[in-house]
Amino acid sequence: MMPRNLKGTMENSDGAGQAGQAGDFLTPKELGARWHWNTESVRRKLRRREISSIVISGRRLIPRSEVELLERDGRIERLPHP
């Protein structure tokens, strides 16, 4: 399942294509911190394909749009902030 509004290739001022920006994606560690989950719990959801992600240069990245969609739809169980 691909996110609905994932940005494609963006154009630089010099005309070269660039895939998104760093702020468009979260790493599993960043998502774990945001949701107060263990990083391995995030990776487990990624392996089960419960959360959409892409791999760029060997790094698993979760589109911020997918994270916001899951949060907005209430399909995520966030742990209470300690």
PDB file of N, CA and C in Angstrom:
ATOM      1  N   MET A   1       0.849  -1.168   0.000  1.00  0.00           N
ATOM      2  CA  MET A   1       0.000   0.000   0.000  1.00  0.00           C
ATOM      3  C   MET A   1       0.899   1.237   0.000  1.00  0.00           C
ATOM      4  N   MET A   2       0.774   2.040  -1.010  1.00  0.00           N
ATOM      5  CA  MET A   2       1.563   3.274  -1.089  1.00  0.00           C
ATOM      6  C   MET A   2       0.730   4.431  -0.562  1.00  0.00           C
ATOM      7  N   PRO A   3       1.371   5.372   0.104  1.00  0.00           N
ATOM      8  CA  PRO A   3       0.635   6.527   0.598  1.00  0.00           C
ATOM      9  C   PRO A   3      -0.016   7.287  -0.555  1.00  0.00           C
ATOM     10  N   ARG A   4      -1.139   7.897  -0.266  1.00  0.00           N
ATOM     11  CA  ARG A   4      -1.903   8.584  -1.306  1.00  0.00           C
ATOM     12  C   ARG A   4      -1.218   9.837  -1.825  1.00  0.00           C
ATOM     13  N   ASN A   5      -0.545  10.572  -0.954  1.00  0.00           N
ATOM     14  CA  ASN A   5       0.012  11.849  -1.391  1.00  0.00           C
ATOM     15  C   ASN A   5       1.528  11.909  -1.228  1.00  0.00           C
ATOM     16  N   LEU A   6       2.203  10.792  -1.521  1.00  0.00           N
ATOM     17  CA  LEU A   6       3.662  10.766  -1.465  1.00  0.00           C
ATOM     18  C   LEU A   6       4.215  11.600  -2.609  1.00  0.00           C
ATOM     19  N   LYS A   7       5.111  12.509  -2.287  1.00  0.00           N
ATOM     20  CA  LYS A   7       5.700  13.361  -3.318  1.00  0.00           C
ATOM     21  C   LYS A   7       6.610  12.524  -4.196  1.00  0.00           C
ATOM     22  N   GLY A   8       6.564  12.763  -5.466  1.00  0.00           N
ATOM     23  CA  GLY A   8       7.445  12.090  -6.409  1.00  0.00           C
ATOM     24  C   GLY A   8       8.751  12.837  -6.535  1.00  0.00           C
ATOM     25  N   THR A   9       9.307  12.829  -7.707  1.00  0.00           N
ATOM     26  CA  THR A   9      10.563  13.539  -7.939  1.00  0.00           C
ATOM     27  C   THR A   9      10.299  15.029  -8.014  1.00  0.00           C
ATOM     28  N   MET A  10      11.108  15.793  -7.302  1.00  0.00           N
ATOM     29  CA  MET A  10      10.969  17.245  -7.306  1.00  0.00           C
ATOM     30  C   MET A  10      12.085  17.831  -8.169  1.00  0.00           C
ATOM     31  N   GLU A  11      11.860  18.970  -8.707  1.00  0.00           N
ATOM     32  CA  GLU A  11      12.812  19.618  -9.608  1.00  0.00           C
ATOM     33  C   GLU A  11      13.677  20.624  -8.840  1.00  0.00           C
ATOM     34  N   ASN A  12      14.979  20.541  -8.983  1.00  0.00           N
ATOM     35  CA  ASN A  12      15.898  21.528  -8.405  1.00  0.00           C
ATOM     36  C   ASN A  12      15.963  22.746  -9.311  1.00  0.00           C
ATOM     37  N   SER A  13      16.605  23.809  -8.841  1.00  0.00           N
ATOM     38  CA  SER A  13      16.781  24.998  -9.671  1.00  0.00           C
ATOM     39  C   SER A  13      17.675  24.701 -10.872  1.00  0.00           C
ATOM     40  N   ASP A  14      18.561  23.704 -10.743  1.00  0.00           N
ATOM     41  CA  ASP A  14      19.449  23.373 -11.872  1.00  0.00           C
ATOM     42  C   ASP A  14      18.817  22.327 -12.795  1.00  0.00           C
ATOM     43  N   GLY A  15      17.563  21.930 -12.508  1.00  0.00           N
ATOM     44  CA  GLY A  15      16.859  21.010 -13.386  1.00  0.00           C
ATOM     45  C   GLY A  15      17.047  19.548 -13.035  1.00  0.00           C
ATOM     46  N   ALA A  16      17.911  19.228 -12.083  1.00  0.00           N
ATOM     47  CA  ALA A  16      18.128  17.840 -11.701  1.00  0.00           C
ATOM     48  C   ALA A  16      17.001  17.364 -10.800  1.00  0.00           C
ATOM     49  N   GLY A  17      16.614  16.106 -10.939  1.00  0.00           N
ATOM     50  CA  GLY A  17      15.558  15.555 -10.102  1.00  0.00           C
ATOM     51  C   GLY A  17      16.077  15.216  -8.714  1.00  0.00           C
ATOM     52  N   GLN A  18      15.201  15.280  -7.734  1.00  0.00           N
ATOM     53  CA  GLN A  18      15.574  14.980  -6.353  1.00  0.00           C
ATOM     54  C   GLN A  18      14.381  14.301  -5.702  1.00  0.00           C
ATOM     55  N   ALA A  19      14.600  13.176  -5.059  1.00  0.00           N
ATOM     56  CA  ALA A  19      13.499  12.436  -4.446  1.00  0.00           C
ATOM     57  C   ALA A  19      13.179  13.008  -3.078  1.00  0.00           C
ATOM     58  N   GLY A  20      12.101  13.784  -2.978  1.00  0.00           N
ATOM     59  CA  GLY A  20      11.620  14.308  -1.700  1.00  0.00           C
ATOM     60  C   GLY A  20      12.658  15.100  -0.938  1.00  0.00           C
ATOM     61  N   GLN A  21      12.350  15.393   0.294  1.00  0.00           N
ATOM     62  CA  GLN A  21      13.270  16.074   1.184  1.00  0.00           C
ATOM     63  C   GLN A  21      13.325  15.277   2.469  1.00  0.00           C
ATOM     64  N   ALA A  22      14.352  15.504   3.271  1.00  0.00           N
ATOM     65  CA  ALA A  22      14.525  14.754   4.509  1.00  0.00           C
ATOM     66  C   ALA A  22      13.311  14.873   5.418  1.00  0.00           C
ATOM     67  N   GLY A  23      12.640  16.029   5.431  1.00  0.00           N
ATOM     68  CA  GLY A  23      11.477  16.235   6.287  1.00  0.00           C
ATOM     69  C   GLY A  23      10.241  15.479   5.838  1.00  0.00           C
ATOM     70  N   ASP A  24      10.269  14.895   4.641  1.00  0.00           N
ATOM     71  CA  ASP A  24       9.122  14.162   4.114  1.00  0.00           C
ATOM     72  C   ASP A  24       9.032  12.744   4.668  1.00  0.00           C
ATOM     73  N   PHE A  25      10.095  12.266   5.318  1.00  0.00           N
ATOM     74  CA  PHE A  25      10.165  10.881   5.777  1.00  0.00           C
ATOM     75  C   PHE A  25      10.657  10.789   7.219  1.00  0.00           C
ATOM     76  N   LEU A  26      10.307   9.688   7.877  1.00  0.00           N
ATOM     77  CA  LEU A  26      10.801   9.385   9.218  1.00  0.00           C
ATOM     78  C   LEU A  26      11.494   8.029   9.191  1.00  0.00           C
ATOM     79  N   THR A  27      12.541   7.884   9.984  1.00  0.00           N
ATOM     80  CA  THR A  27      13.171   6.576  10.160  1.00  0.00           C
ATOM     81  C   THR A  27      12.356   5.804  11.199  1.00  0.00           C
ATOM     82  N   PRO A  28      12.530   4.488  11.279  1.00  0.00           N
ATOM     83  CA  PRO A  28      11.832   3.732  12.327  1.00  0.00           C
ATOM     84  C   PRO A  28      12.134   4.257  13.735  1.00  0.00           C
ATOM     85  N   LYS A  29      13.360   4.702  13.964  1.00  0.00           N
ATOM     86  CA  LYS A  29      13.721   5.249  15.279  1.00  0.00           C
ATOM     87  C   LYS A  29      12.958   6.543  15.565  1.00  0.00           C
ATOM     88  N   GLU A  30      12.869   7.432  14.560  1.00  0.00           N
ATOM     89  CA  GLU A  30      12.138   8.693  14.733  1.00  0.00           C
ATOM     90  C   GLU A  30      10.648   8.440  14.950  1.00  0.00           C
ATOM     91  N   LEU A  31      10.092   7.472  14.222  1.00  0.00           N
ATOM     92  CA  LEU A  31       8.672   7.151  14.395  1.00  0.00           C
ATOM     93  C   LEU A  31       8.421   6.556  15.774  1.00  0.00           C
ATOM     94  N   GLY A  32       9.338   5.704  16.239  1.00  0.00           N
ATOM     95  CA  GLY A  32       9.213   5.146  17.582  1.00  0.00           C
ATOM     96  C   GLY A  32       9.201   6.233  18.645  1.00  0.00           C
ATOM     97  N   ALA A  33      10.066   7.219  18.484  1.00  0.00           N
ATOM     98  CA  ALA A  33      10.109   8.336  19.439  1.00  0.00           C
ATOM     99  C   ALA A  33       8.818   9.149  19.373  1.00  0.00           C
ATOM    100  N   ARG A  34       8.301   9.364  18.176  1.00  0.00           N
ATOM    101  CA  ARG A  34       7.076  10.150  18.007  1.00  0.00           C
ATOM    102  C   ARG A  34       5.879   9.459  18.651  1.00  0.00           C
ATOM    103  N   TRP A  35       5.792   8.141  18.483  1.00  0.00           N
ATOM    104  CA  TRP A  35       4.653   7.376  19.001  1.00  0.00           C
ATOM    105  C   TRP A  35       4.924   6.767  20.374  1.00  0.00           C
ATOM    106  N   HIS A  36       6.105   6.988  20.939  1.00  0.00           N
ATOM    107  CA  HIS A  36       6.496   6.414  22.229  1.00  0.00           C
ATOM    108  C   HIS A  36       6.468   4.887  22.177  1.00  0.00           C
ATOM    109  N   TRP A  37       6.993   4.347  21.086  1.00  0.00           N
ATOM    110  CA  TRP A  37       7.103   2.906  20.880  1.00  0.00           C
ATOM    111  C   TRP A  37       8.570   2.523  20.874  1.00  0.00           C
ATOM    112  N   ASN A  38       8.828   1.260  21.125  1.00  0.00           N
ATOM    113  CA  ASN A  38      10.153   0.704  20.949  1.00  0.00           C
ATOM    114  C   ASN A  38      10.425   0.633  19.445  1.00  0.00           C
ATOM    115  N   THR A  39      11.655   0.895  19.036  1.00  0.00           N
ATOM    116  CA  THR A  39      11.998   0.873  17.612  1.00  0.00           C
ATOM    117  C   THR A  39      11.708  -0.486  16.988  1.00  0.00           C
ATOM    118  N   GLU A  40      11.934  -1.550  17.726  1.00  0.00           N
ATOM    119  CA  GLU A  40      11.669  -2.885  17.187  1.00  0.00           C
ATOM    120  C   GLU A  40      10.180  -3.105  16.938  1.00  0.00           C
ATOM    121  N   SER A  41       9.313  -2.482  17.724  1.00  0.00           N
ATOM    122  CA  SER A  41       7.872  -2.577  17.480  1.00  0.00           C
ATOM    123  C   SER A  41       7.499  -1.928  16.148  1.00  0.00           C
ATOM    124  N   VAL A  42       8.147  -0.812  15.846  1.00  0.00           N
ATOM    125  CA  VAL A  42       7.923  -0.144  14.558  1.00  0.00           C
ATOM    126  C   VAL A  42       8.404  -1.047  13.430  1.00  0.00           C
ATOM    127  N   ARG A  43       9.587  -1.617  13.573  1.00  0.00           N
ATOM    128  CA  ARG A  43      10.126  -2.513  12.542  1.00  0.00           C
ATOM    129  C   ARG A  43       9.223  -3.724  12.330  1.00  0.00           C
ATOM    130  N   ARG A  44       8.653  -4.248  13.404  1.00  0.00           N
ATOM    131  CA  ARG A  44       7.733  -5.386  13.297  1.00  0.00           C
ATOM    132  C   ARG A  44       6.516  -5.009  12.441  1.00  0.00           C
ATOM    133  N   LYS A  45       5.952  -3.817  12.684  1.00  0.00           N
ATOM    134  CA  LYS A  45       4.807  -3.339  11.889  1.00  0.00           C
ATOM    135  C   LYS A  45       5.213  -3.162  10.420  1.00  0.00           C
ATOM    136  N   LEU A  46       6.437  -2.700  10.189  1.00  0.00           N
ATOM    137  CA  LEU A  46       6.917  -2.541   8.821  1.00  0.00           C
ATOM    138  C   LEU A  46       7.053  -3.901   8.133  1.00  0.00           C
ATOM    139  N   ARG A  47       7.596  -4.892   8.836  1.00  0.00           N
ATOM    140  CA  ARG A  47       7.737  -6.237   8.262  1.00  0.00           C
ATOM    141  C   ARG A  47       6.384  -6.839   7.927  1.00  0.00           C
ATOM    142  N   ARG A  48       5.386  -6.568   8.767  1.00  0.00           N
ATOM    143  CA  ARG A  48       4.027  -7.078   8.533  1.00  0.00           C
ATOM    144  C   ARG A  48       3.266  -6.240   7.499  1.00  0.00           C
ATOM    145  N   ARG A  49       3.915  -5.174   7.027  1.00  0.00           N
ATOM    146  CA  ARG A  49       3.326  -4.248   6.044  1.00  0.00           C
ATOM    147  C   ARG A  49       2.078  -3.547   6.577  1.00  0.00           C
ATOM    148  N   GLU A  50       2.049  -3.316   7.879  1.00  0.00           N
ATOM    149  CA  GLU A  50       0.960  -2.568   8.504  1.00  0.00           C
ATOM    150  C   GLU A  50       1.200  -1.061   8.376  1.00  0.00           C
ATOM    151  N   ILE A  51       2.437  -0.696   8.101  1.00  0.00           N
ATOM    152  CA  ILE A  51       2.821   0.697   7.866  1.00  0.00           C
ATOM    153  C   ILE A  51       3.577   0.722   6.542  1.00  0.00           C
ATOM    154  N   SER A  52       3.196   1.611   5.643  1.00  0.00           N
ATOM    155  CA  SER A  52       3.877   1.731   4.350  1.00  0.00           C
ATOM    156  C   SER A  52       5.251   2.346   4.530  1.00  0.00           C
ATOM    157  N   SER A  53       6.185   1.903   3.710  1.00  0.00           N
ATOM    158  CA  SER A  53       7.528   2.462   3.766  1.00  0.00           C
ATOM    159  C   SER A  53       8.199   2.271   2.411  1.00  0.00           C
ATOM    160  N   ILE A  54       9.333   2.920   2.260  1.00  0.00           N
ATOM    161  CA  ILE A  54      10.158   2.755   1.072  1.00  0.00           C
ATOM    162  C   ILE A  54      11.596   2.579   1.529  1.00  0.00           C
ATOM    163  N   VAL A  55      12.421   2.036   0.646  1.00  0.00           N
ATOM    164  CA  VAL A  55      13.840   1.879   0.936  1.00  0.00           C
ATOM    165  C   VAL A  55      14.608   2.762  -0.037  1.00  0.00           C
ATOM    166  N   ILE A  56      15.423   3.654   0.510  1.00  0.00           N
ATOM    167  CA  ILE A  56      16.274   4.524  -0.286  1.00  0.00           C
ATOM    168  C   ILE A  56      17.700   4.351   0.209  1.00  0.00           C
ATOM    169  N   SER A  57      18.577   3.945  -0.669  1.00  0.00           N
ATOM    170  CA  SER A  57      19.992   3.721  -0.328  1.00  0.00           C
ATOM    171  C   SER A  57      20.132   2.802   0.877  1.00  0.00           C
ATOM    172  N   GLY A  58      19.311   1.775   0.940  1.00  0.00           N
ATOM    173  CA  GLY A  58      19.389   0.796   2.015  1.00  0.00           C
ATOM    174  C   GLY A  58      18.737   1.221   3.321  1.00  0.00           C
ATOM    175  N   ARG A  59      18.153   2.411   3.363  1.00  0.00           N
ATOM    176  CA  ARG A  59      17.495   2.903   4.588  1.00  0.00           C
ATOM    177  C   ARG A  59      15.990   2.783   4.440  1.00  0.00           C
ATOM    178  N   ARG A  60      15.345   2.193   5.422  1.00  0.00           N
ATOM    179  CA  ARG A  60      13.885   2.086   5.435  1.00  0.00           C
ATOM    180  C   ARG A  60      13.329   3.414   5.922  1.00  0.00           C
ATOM    181  N   LEU A  61      12.462   4.028   5.138  1.00  0.00           N
ATOM    182  CA  LEU A  61      11.891   5.328   5.464  1.00  0.00           C
ATOM    183  C   LEU A  61      10.372   5.269   5.382  1.00  0.00           C
ATOM    184  N   ILE A  62       9.727   5.927   6.326  1.00  0.00           N
ATOM    185  CA  ILE A  62       8.270   5.974   6.388  1.00  0.00           C
ATOM    186  C   ILE A  62       7.830   7.371   5.972  1.00  0.00           C
ATOM    187  N   PRO A  63       6.990   7.484   4.941  1.00  0.00           N
ATOM    188  CA  PRO A  63       6.526   8.806   4.527  1.00  0.00           C
ATOM    189  C   PRO A  63       5.746   9.500   5.641  1.00  0.00           C
ATOM    190  N   ARG A  64       6.066  10.754   5.873  1.00  0.00           N
ATOM    191  CA  ARG A  64       5.376  11.537   6.903  1.00  0.00           C
ATOM    192  C   ARG A  64       3.878  11.580   6.619  1.00  0.00           C
ATOM    193  N   SER A  65       3.496  11.608   5.345  1.00  0.00           N
ATOM    194  CA  SER A  65       2.073  11.634   4.986  1.00  0.00           C
ATOM    195  C   SER A  65       1.361  10.372   5.477  1.00  0.00           C
ATOM    196  N   GLU A  66       2.034   9.226   5.424  1.00  0.00           N
ATOM    197  CA  GLU A  66       1.456   7.970   5.913  1.00  0.00           C
ATOM    198  C   GLU A  66       1.277   8.022   7.434  1.00  0.00           C
ATOM    199  N   VAL A  67       2.270   8.552   8.127  1.00  0.00           N
ATOM    200  CA  VAL A  67       2.213   8.667   9.589  1.00  0.00           C
ATOM    201  C   VAL A  67       1.039   9.565   9.993  1.00  0.00           C
ATOM    202  N   GLU A  68       0.920  10.715   9.334  1.00  0.00           N
ATOM    203  CA  GLU A  68      -0.157  11.648   9.660  1.00  0.00           C
ATOM    204  C   GLU A  68      -1.522  11.060   9.339  1.00  0.00           C
ATOM    205  N   LEU A  69      -1.609  10.279   8.268  1.00  0.00           N
ATOM    206  CA  LEU A  69      -2.868   9.619   7.916  1.00  0.00           C
ATOM    207  C   LEU A  69      -3.262   8.602   8.992  1.00  0.00           C
ATOM    208  N   LEU A  70      -2.309   7.798   9.450  1.00  0.00           N
ATOM    209  CA  LEU A  70      -2.583   6.814  10.502  1.00  0.00           C
ATOM    210  C   LEU A  70      -3.011   7.492  11.794  1.00  0.00           C
ATOM    211  N   GLU A  71      -2.353   8.595  12.126  1.00  0.00           N
ATOM    212  CA  GLU A  71      -2.704   9.328  13.343  1.00  0.00           C
ATOM    213  C   GLU A  71      -4.095   9.950  13.229  1.00  0.00           C
ATOM    214  N   ARG A  72      -4.381  10.535  12.089  1.00  0.00           N
ATOM    215  CA  ARG A  72      -5.666  11.210  11.884  1.00  0.00           C
ATOM    216  C   ARG A  72      -6.835  10.216  11.892  1.00  0.00           C
ATOM    217  N   ASP A  73      -6.627   9.051  11.283  1.00  0.00           N
ATOM    218  CA  ASP A  73      -7.684   8.044  11.195  1.00  0.00           C
ATOM    219  C   ASP A  73      -7.835   7.234  12.483  1.00  0.00           C
ATOM    220  N   GLY A  74      -6.936   7.427  13.439  1.00  0.00           N
ATOM    221  CA  GLY A  74      -7.014   6.701  14.705  1.00  0.00           C
ATOM    222  C   GLY A  74      -6.668   5.229  14.580  1.00  0.00           C
ATOM    223  N   ARG A  75      -5.879   4.866  13.553  1.00  0.00           N
ATOM    224  CA  ARG A  75      -5.510   3.461  13.346  1.00  0.00           C
ATOM    225  C   ARG A  75      -4.225   3.087  14.070  1.00  0.00           C
ATOM    226  N   ILE A  76      -3.810   3.889  15.004  1.00  0.00           N
ATOM    227  CA  ILE A  76      -2.549   3.680  15.710  1.00  0.00           C
ATOM    228  C   ILE A  76      -2.764   3.790  17.207  1.00  0.00           C
ATOM    229  N   GLU A  77      -2.170   2.889  17.949  1.00  0.00           N
ATOM    230  CA  GLU A  77      -2.276   2.932  19.409  1.00  0.00           C
ATOM    231  C   GLU A  77      -1.011   3.558  19.972  1.00  0.00           C
ATOM    232  N   ARG A  78      -1.071   4.850  20.238  1.00  0.00           N
ATOM    233  CA  ARG A  78       0.074   5.540  20.821  1.00  0.00           C
ATOM    234  C   ARG A  78       0.103   5.267  22.308  1.00  0.00           C
ATOM    235  N   LEU A  79       1.289   5.065  22.822  1.00  0.00           N
ATOM    236  CA  LEU A  79       1.433   4.897  24.270  1.00  0.00           C
ATOM    237  C   LEU A  79       1.383   6.268  24.922  1.00  0.00           C
ATOM    238  N   PRO A  80       0.853   6.360  26.131  1.00  0.00           N
ATOM    239  CA  PRO A  80       0.805   7.664  26.797  1.00  0.00           C
ATOM    240  C   PRO A  80       2.222   8.192  27.059  1.00  0.00           C
ATOM    241  N   HIS A  81       2.346   9.499  26.968  1.00  0.00           N
ATOM    242  CA  HIS A  81       3.642  10.133  27.222  1.00  0.00           C
ATOM    243  C   HIS A  81       4.003   9.954  28.692  1.00  0.00           C
ATOM    244  N   PRO A  82       5.237   9.481  28.969  1.00  0.00           N
ATOM    245  CA  PRO A  82       5.633   9.248  30.371  1.00  0.00           C
ATOM    246  C   PRO A  82       5.708  10.519  31.186  1.00  0.00           C
TER     247      PRO A  82
END
